[in-house]
Amino acid sequence: MSAAESVSTPGRMTAAAKKFGAAIESTKVQTVVCFIPALNEEEKLADVISEIRSVSAGSESRGYRMKIVVVDDGSTDRTRDVAMRSDVDRVISHPRNLGLGAATRSGLLAAREMDADVAFKMDADFQHDPSDIEKVIRPALDGEASIVYGSRFAGNIHYRMPIVRFVGNRFFTWLMRVLTGWPITDAQTGLMVYSRDYLSDFTMPGNYNPPQQTLLDAYHRNLTYAEVPVEFHARTTGKSFVSFKYPIKAIPQMVRTIVMVSPLKVFAPLGVLFSGSALIGGAVEAFLYAQGSITDIHDATLAVLFLFGVQCLFFGLLADLMIHRRASNTIPDCARAAPKAPTTPKSAGSSLFGASKARAGGAV
């Protein structure tokens, strides 16, 4: 082909360039950041880190490299010292126990700062099996889902879960299915995966219940969800982040999350309820007054009720226009990061249990 011919066929050259770029993109080694929230986990933490490194060895041949972050959420034992001596890339320390939501938020922010393509949360107590890691992160690596949950109830639970915890899990899973319309089987899992799409602009305002906050945030941002069956074992050491106070703390934070990501979903119905009640009440009183059944109309009360409803509507609209991701913009001042030398790792199989695209409308 002559120089003239090559210059006269820019479309053909552009198509070739696009194919070449796509080929390079498909062979790109992605960065996966594993973050491990830990509260008094000195006994098992080093073993968990070692096992994650073991199952992720040689992962570059499978398209990704692993980095590990430990988030010490105010442990009173030697958890931070164990983390600092282990093969991790960064250690973040909270000077006091802030909660699993705060630890997860710090981990997500660290992953975003490290330019992660995919991040995932792993427990520090071996309840989740590190051998499940690759099959859980695979849908996010392949661009099939924005968030992926490792479902214990779709997989295997290797101990008898306490009845209170079992009922709580089932209730919150049902509630999340209602609020999102997604086929969720485990809304309380400790093994969660986040894609770059999610990390780029996430909202996690509460210091508790990160699984539900993540689901509501992703749903209202029209992201995609998938889950994969995983193994789950009994806790033998350490201290769980979850306590009997969970429902008391979780439900208000779920409402707060909905308000932050979609305020009109909360304030519009309230505005319609109050304003509509005032209009209906006014119409009834006017009818009864015209019939002579009453001699006085409580116009002041109805006016206040109507104005309150209108104020709710405008407040929701204003919040929707001005909403910003307050809790997700910076790592909390109380979190001190200690960077460590980066390392490389590995992983195993992949099986997508279920995926679902978020809808613009919702059941919230």
Protein backbone atom coordinates (compact mmCIF):
# COMPACT_ATOMS: atom_id res chain seq x y z
CA MET A 1 0.00 0.00 0.00
CA SER A 2 1.34 3.44 -0.91
CA ALA A 3 1.64 6.39 1.41
CA ALA A 4 -1.20 8.07 -0.47
CA GLU A 5 -3.43 5.04 0.01
CA SER A 6 -2.70 4.88 3.73
CA VAL A 7 -3.50 8.57 4.15
CA SER A 8 -6.74 8.24 2.17
CA THR A 9 -8.14 5.47 4.44
CA PRO A 10 -8.35 7.05 7.88
CA GLY A 11 -11.46 5.01 8.78
CA ARG A 12 -9.63 1.75 8.22
CA MET A 13 -6.65 2.93 10.27
CA THR A 14 -8.94 4.09 13.08
CA ALA A 15 -10.69 0.71 13.22
CA ALA A 16 -7.35 -1.06 13.37
CA ALA A 17 -6.17 1.25 16.11
CA LYS A 18 -9.33 0.55 18.10
CA LYS A 19 -8.84 -3.20 17.74
CA PHE A 20 -5.23 -2.85 18.84
CA GLY A 21 -6.27 -0.76 21.86
CA ALA A 22 -8.95 -3.26 22.82
CA ALA A 23 -6.43 -6.09 22.61
CA ILE A 24 -4.04 -4.23 24.91
CA GLU A 25 -6.87 -3.44 27.34
CA SER A 26 -7.91 -7.11 27.47
CA THR A 27 -4.39 -8.13 28.48
CA LYS A 28 -4.04 -5.45 31.15
CA VAL A 29 -3.09 -6.73 34.60
CA GLN A 30 -5.71 -5.30 36.96
CA THR A 31 -5.03 -4.18 40.52
CA VAL A 32 -7.07 -5.95 43.20
CA VAL A 33 -6.99 -4.55 46.73
CA CYS A 34 -8.01 -6.82 49.59
CA PHE A 35 -8.84 -4.88 52.76
CA ILE A 36 -9.23 -6.66 56.08
CA PRO A 37 -11.12 -4.92 58.91
CA ALA A 38 -9.74 -6.29 62.17
CA LEU A 39 -10.80 -5.93 65.80
CA ASN A 40 -8.66 -7.85 68.28
CA GLU A 41 -7.62 -10.47 65.72
CA GLU A 42 -3.97 -10.98 66.74
CA GLU A 43 -4.34 -14.78 66.80
CA LYS A 44 -5.52 -15.37 63.22
CA LEU A 45 -4.62 -12.21 61.27
CA ALA A 46 -1.14 -13.28 60.16
CA ASP A 47 -2.47 -16.68 59.04
CA VAL A 48 -5.29 -15.04 57.05
CA ILE A 49 -2.83 -12.71 55.30
CA SER A 50 -0.49 -15.60 54.55
CA GLU A 51 -3.35 -17.67 53.11
CA ILE A 52 -4.53 -14.79 50.92
CA ARG A 53 -0.99 -14.44 49.57
CA SER A 54 -0.88 -18.18 48.98
CA VAL A 55 -4.14 -18.44 47.02
CA SER A 56 -3.26 -15.34 44.98
CA ALA A 57 0.27 -16.44 44.02
CA GLY A 58 0.78 -16.25 40.26
CA SER A 59 -2.38 -14.20 39.81
CA GLU A 60 -0.78 -12.01 37.14
CA SER A 61 -1.13 -14.91 34.73
CA ARG A 62 -4.87 -14.73 35.48
CA GLY A 63 -5.06 -10.99 34.87
CA TYR A 64 -4.58 -9.30 38.24
CA ARG A 65 -2.13 -8.51 41.01
CA MET A 66 -3.10 -8.47 44.69
CA LYS A 67 -2.46 -5.78 47.29
CA ILE A 68 -3.50 -6.10 50.93
CA VAL A 69 -4.63 -3.42 53.39
CA VAL A 70 -5.36 -4.06 57.08
CA VAL A 71 -7.75 -1.71 58.88
CA ASP A 72 -7.23 -2.00 62.64
CA ASP A 73 -10.44 -0.64 64.15
CA GLY A 74 -9.20 0.30 67.59
CA SER A 75 -7.97 -3.12 68.71
CA THR A 76 -6.74 -3.41 72.29
CA ASP A 77 -4.48 -6.38 71.60
CA ARG A 78 -1.46 -6.71 69.26
CA THR A 79 -3.47 -6.68 66.01
CA ARG A 80 -1.73 -3.60 64.64
CA ASP A 81 1.75 -4.96 65.46
CA VAL A 82 0.91 -8.26 63.76
CA ALA A 83 -0.31 -6.39 60.68
CA MET A 84 2.82 -4.21 60.53
CA ARG A 85 5.03 -7.31 60.57
CA SER A 86 2.99 -9.13 57.94
CA ASP A 87 3.20 -9.10 54.15
CA VAL A 88 0.76 -6.25 53.56
CA ASP A 89 0.91 -3.03 51.55
CA ARG A 90 -0.72 -0.68 54.02
CA VAL A 91 -1.97 -0.61 57.62
CA ILE A 92 -4.67 1.86 58.68
CA SER A 93 -5.27 2.36 62.41
CA HIS A 94 -8.32 3.85 64.13
CA PRO A 95 -7.37 5.08 67.62
CA ARG A 96 -10.67 3.71 68.96
CA ASN A 97 -13.31 1.24 67.82
CA LEU A 98 -15.52 3.08 65.32
CA GLY A 99 -17.47 0.15 63.88
CA LEU A 100 -17.42 -2.13 60.86
CA GLY A 101 -18.90 0.55 58.58
CA ALA A 102 -16.08 2.96 59.45
CA ALA A 103 -13.45 0.25 58.93
CA THR A 104 -14.99 -0.69 55.58
CA ARG A 105 -15.14 2.96 54.51
CA SER A 106 -11.45 3.42 55.35
CA GLY A 107 -10.63 0.27 53.36
CA LEU A 108 -12.62 1.45 50.34
CA LEU A 109 -10.99 4.88 50.42
CA ALA A 110 -7.55 3.30 50.65
CA ALA A 111 -8.37 1.05 47.66
CA ARG A 112 -9.47 4.08 45.65
CA GLU A 113 -6.27 5.93 46.55
CA MET A 114 -4.30 2.87 45.41
CA ASP A 115 -6.08 3.05 42.03
CA ALA A 116 -7.73 -0.34 42.47
CA ASP A 117 -9.68 -1.83 39.59
CA VAL A 118 -11.38 -4.14 42.08
CA ALA A 119 -11.46 -4.15 45.89
CA PHE A 120 -12.86 -6.72 48.26
CA LYS A 121 -13.45 -7.01 51.98
CA MET A 122 -12.21 -10.14 53.76
CA ASP A 123 -12.77 -11.09 57.39
CA ALA A 124 -9.73 -11.57 59.65
CA ASP A 125 -11.06 -14.67 61.40
CA PHE A 126 -11.16 -17.42 58.72
CA GLN A 127 -14.96 -17.58 58.77
CA HIS A 128 -14.78 -16.96 55.03
CA ASP A 129 -12.53 -19.31 53.08
CA PRO A 130 -9.68 -17.57 51.19
CA SER A 131 -9.99 -20.24 48.49
CA ASP A 132 -13.30 -18.58 47.50
CA ILE A 133 -11.61 -15.26 46.72
CA GLU A 134 -11.01 -15.63 43.00
CA LYS A 135 -14.44 -16.92 42.10
CA VAL A 136 -16.01 -14.01 44.02
CA ILE A 137 -13.84 -11.28 42.47
CA ARG A 138 -14.03 -12.76 38.96
CA PRO A 139 -17.40 -11.19 37.96
CA ALA A 140 -16.03 -7.74 38.88
CA LEU A 141 -12.72 -8.40 37.09
CA ASP A 142 -14.64 -9.43 33.96
CA GLY A 143 -16.93 -6.39 34.11
CA GLU A 144 -20.05 -8.48 34.78
CA ALA A 145 -21.05 -6.72 38.01
CA SER A 146 -20.34 -3.54 39.99
CA ILE A 147 -20.67 -5.27 43.36
CA VAL A 148 -20.46 -8.98 44.13
CA TYR A 149 -21.50 -10.67 47.37
CA GLY A 150 -20.27 -14.04 48.58
CA SER A 151 -23.52 -15.71 49.69
CA ARG A 152 -23.29 -18.05 52.67
CA PHE A 153 -26.88 -19.19 52.29
CA ALA A 154 -26.40 -20.06 48.62
CA GLY A 155 -23.21 -21.91 49.60
CA ASN A 156 -22.43 -23.90 52.76
CA ILE A 157 -22.51 -22.86 56.41
CA HIS A 158 -20.37 -25.28 58.40
CA TYR A 159 -21.81 -24.65 61.86
CA ARG A 160 -25.16 -24.09 63.52
CA MET A 161 -25.80 -20.34 63.33
CA PRO A 162 -27.41 -18.93 66.53
CA ILE A 163 -31.16 -18.54 66.03
CA VAL A 164 -31.13 -14.80 66.77
CA ARG A 165 -28.42 -14.21 64.16
CA PHE A 166 -30.15 -16.50 61.64
CA VAL A 167 -33.47 -14.65 62.01
CA GLY A 168 -31.69 -11.30 61.78
CA ASN A 169 -29.90 -12.37 58.61
CA ARG A 170 -33.15 -13.53 57.04
CA PHE A 171 -34.98 -10.32 57.99
CA PHE A 172 -32.35 -7.96 56.59
CA THR A 173 -32.00 -10.08 53.45
CA TRP A 174 -35.77 -9.91 52.91
CA LEU A 175 -35.74 -6.16 53.52
CA MET A 176 -32.94 -5.61 50.99
CA ARG A 177 -34.77 -7.71 48.40
CA VAL A 178 -37.85 -5.51 48.89
CA LEU A 179 -35.89 -2.24 48.72
CA THR A 180 -33.80 -3.16 45.66
CA GLY A 181 -35.73 -5.84 43.79
CA TRP A 182 -32.47 -7.79 43.45
CA PRO A 183 -32.38 -11.60 44.02
CA ILE A 184 -30.30 -11.27 47.19
CA THR A 185 -29.83 -14.38 49.33
CA ASP A 186 -27.34 -12.97 51.87
CA ALA A 187 -27.43 -9.27 52.76
CA GLN A 188 -25.14 -9.70 55.78
CA THR A 189 -22.11 -11.32 54.17
CA GLY A 190 -18.56 -10.44 55.18
CA LEU A 191 -17.13 -11.15 51.71
CA MET A 192 -17.99 -8.22 49.43
CA VAL A 193 -16.41 -7.12 46.14
CA TYR A 194 -16.40 -3.61 44.69
CA SER A 195 -15.58 -2.62 41.11
CA ARG A 196 -13.93 0.63 40.00
CA ASP A 197 -17.42 1.93 39.07
CA TYR A 198 -18.52 1.58 42.67
CA LEU A 199 -15.29 2.88 44.19
CA SER A 200 -15.31 6.03 42.05
CA ASP A 201 -18.20 7.69 43.91
CA PHE A 202 -19.49 5.58 46.78
CA THR A 203 -21.53 6.70 49.80
CA MET A 204 -21.15 4.98 53.16
CA PRO A 205 -22.24 7.48 55.85
CA GLY A 206 -22.81 5.06 58.73
CA ASN A 207 -20.26 3.38 60.98
CA TYR A 208 -22.21 0.13 61.03
CA ASN A 209 -23.93 -2.31 58.59
CA PRO A 210 -21.75 -1.85 55.44
CA PRO A 211 -23.48 -4.64 53.46
CA GLN A 212 -26.86 -2.88 53.48
CA GLN A 213 -25.34 0.55 52.89
CA THR A 214 -23.47 -0.82 49.88
CA LEU A 215 -26.59 -2.42 48.41
CA LEU A 216 -28.71 0.71 48.76
CA ASP A 217 -25.95 2.96 47.42
CA ALA A 218 -25.30 0.73 44.39
CA TYR A 219 -29.00 0.32 43.66
CA HIS A 220 -29.73 4.04 43.64
CA ARG A 221 -26.71 4.63 41.41
CA ASN A 222 -28.08 2.11 38.87
CA LEU A 223 -25.08 -0.20 39.28
CA THR A 224 -25.18 -3.98 38.89
CA TYR A 225 -25.22 -6.76 41.47
CA ALA A 226 -24.13 -10.40 41.46
CA GLU A 227 -23.56 -13.04 44.09
CA VAL A 228 -21.51 -16.22 44.28
CA PRO A 229 -21.98 -19.17 46.69
CA VAL A 230 -19.23 -19.42 49.32
CA GLU A 231 -18.18 -21.50 52.33
CA PHE A 232 -18.66 -20.14 55.85
CA HIS A 233 -17.13 -21.48 59.07
CA ALA A 234 -17.60 -20.90 62.79
CA ARG A 235 -15.59 -18.18 64.49
CA THR A 236 -12.92 -19.58 66.81
CA THR A 237 -10.99 -16.44 67.83
CA GLY A 238 -11.28 -12.67 67.94
CA LYS A 239 -14.32 -10.50 68.45
CA SER A 240 -17.23 -10.02 66.05
CA PHE A 241 -18.12 -6.49 64.93
CA VAL A 242 -21.80 -7.51 65.14
CA SER A 243 -23.67 -7.39 68.47
CA PHE A 244 -27.25 -7.48 69.78
CA LYS A 245 -27.39 -3.72 69.19
CA TYR A 246 -27.13 -4.33 65.45
CA PRO A 247 -30.82 -3.73 64.50
CA ILE A 248 -30.96 -0.57 66.65
CA LYS A 249 -27.93 0.87 64.85
CA ALA A 250 -28.49 -0.63 61.41
CA ILE A 251 -32.03 0.49 60.60
CA PRO A 252 -31.47 4.23 61.27
CA GLN A 253 -28.27 4.11 59.22
CA MET A 254 -30.11 2.42 56.36
CA VAL A 255 -32.65 5.26 56.40
CA ARG A 256 -29.78 7.75 56.50
CA THR A 257 -28.17 6.07 53.51
CA ILE A 258 -31.40 6.28 51.51
CA VAL A 259 -31.72 9.97 52.44
CA MET A 260 -28.16 10.65 51.30
CA VAL A 261 -28.31 8.79 48.00
CA SER A 262 -31.94 9.53 47.09
CA PRO A 263 -33.56 12.15 49.37
CA LEU A 264 -36.63 12.54 47.17
CA LYS A 265 -37.49 8.91 47.91
CA VAL A 266 -37.97 9.96 51.54
CA PHE A 267 -39.12 13.58 51.47
CA ALA A 268 -41.44 13.45 48.46
CA PRO A 269 -43.77 10.83 50.03
CA LEU A 270 -43.72 12.76 53.32
CA GLY A 271 -44.56 16.00 51.51
CA VAL A 272 -47.40 14.38 49.60
CA LEU A 273 -48.70 12.75 52.80
CA PHE A 274 -48.84 15.99 54.82
CA SER A 275 -49.99 18.29 52.01
CA GLY A 276 -52.51 15.73 50.78
CA SER A 277 -53.86 15.23 54.30
CA ALA A 278 -54.29 18.98 54.67
CA LEU A 279 -56.14 19.27 51.35
CA ILE A 280 -58.40 16.32 52.11
CA GLY A 281 -59.05 17.62 55.62
CA GLY A 282 -59.85 21.07 54.22
CA ALA A 283 -62.22 19.62 51.65
CA VAL A 284 -64.05 17.56 54.30
CA GLU A 285 -64.35 20.53 56.65
CA ALA A 286 -65.59 22.78 53.83
CA PHE A 287 -68.22 20.20 52.90
CA LEU A 288 -69.36 19.80 56.53
CA TYR A 289 -69.40 23.59 56.97
CA ALA A 290 -71.54 23.98 53.85
CA GLN A 291 -73.94 21.34 55.21
CA GLY A 292 -74.18 23.18 58.51
CA SER A 293 -72.72 20.26 60.46
CA ILE A 294 -69.90 22.41 61.85
CA THR A 295 -69.66 26.13 62.54
CA ASP A 296 -65.89 26.58 62.48
CA ILE A 297 -63.06 25.57 60.10
CA HIS A 298 -59.63 24.89 61.63
CA ASP A 299 -57.86 26.69 58.84
CA ALA A 300 -54.69 27.45 60.86
CA THR A 301 -54.00 23.79 61.62
CA LEU A 302 -54.63 22.72 58.04
CA ALA A 303 -52.48 25.56 56.71
CA VAL A 304 -49.55 24.55 58.92
CA LEU A 305 -49.94 20.93 57.83
CA PHE A 306 -50.08 21.93 54.16
CA LEU A 307 -47.03 24.22 54.43
CA PHE A 308 -45.07 21.53 56.26
CA GLY A 309 -45.79 19.14 53.39
CA VAL A 310 -44.69 21.68 50.80
CA GLN A 311 -41.55 22.34 52.84
CA CYS A 312 -40.74 18.61 52.83
CA LEU A 313 -41.11 18.51 49.05
CA PHE A 314 -38.83 21.50 48.53
CA PHE A 315 -36.31 20.24 51.07
CA GLY A 316 -36.15 16.90 49.26
CA LEU A 317 -35.71 18.66 45.91
CA LEU A 318 -32.99 20.94 47.30
CA ALA A 319 -31.18 18.01 48.94
CA ASP A 320 -31.39 16.05 45.70
CA LEU A 321 -29.77 18.94 43.81
CA MET A 322 -27.07 19.66 46.41
CA ILE A 323 -26.33 16.15 47.62
CA HIS A 324 -22.67 15.38 47.93
CA ARG A 325 -20.70 12.39 49.10
CA ARG A 326 -19.64 13.78 52.46
CA ALA A 327 -18.60 10.58 54.18
CA SER A 328 -16.78 9.15 51.19
CA ASN A 329 -14.48 11.98 50.20
CA THR A 330 -11.68 11.58 52.72
CA ILE A 331 -10.32 9.03 55.14
CA PRO A 332 -11.39 10.07 58.66
CA ASP A 333 -8.88 12.19 60.58
CA CYS A 334 -8.69 9.42 63.16
CA ALA A 335 -7.35 6.96 60.58
CA ARG A 336 -3.56 6.87 60.38
CA ALA A 337 -2.09 5.00 57.43
CA ALA A 338 1.28 3.27 57.59
CA PRO A 339 2.36 2.34 54.05
CA LYS A 340 4.43 -0.77 53.50
CA ALA A 341 6.37 -2.17 50.59
CA PRO A 342 4.02 -3.59 47.90
CA THR A 343 3.89 -7.33 47.27
CA THR A 344 2.45 -9.70 44.66
CA PRO A 345 -0.11 -12.61 45.05
CA LYS A 346 -2.68 -15.23 43.55
CA SER A 347 -6.26 -17.06 43.43
CA ALA A 348 -8.61 -19.98 42.14
CA GLY A 349 -11.87 -20.66 40.09
CA SER A 350 -14.95 -18.62 39.11
CA SER A 351 -18.69 -19.20 39.12
CA LEU A 352 -21.30 -16.50 38.86
CA PHE A 353 -24.34 -17.41 40.98
CA GLY A 354 -26.60 -14.58 39.85
CA ALA A 355 -26.55 -11.06 38.45
CA SER A 356 -29.12 -8.32 38.29
CA LYS A 357 -29.18 -4.85 36.70
CA ALA A 358 -30.39 -2.03 38.90
CA ARG A 359 -33.49 -0.24 37.75
CA ALA A 360 -33.94 3.50 37.74
CA GLY A 361 -37.24 3.18 39.60
CA GLY A 362 -37.46 1.27 42.86
CA ALA A 363 -39.45 -0.11 45.71
CA VAL A 364 -37.98 2.24 48.28
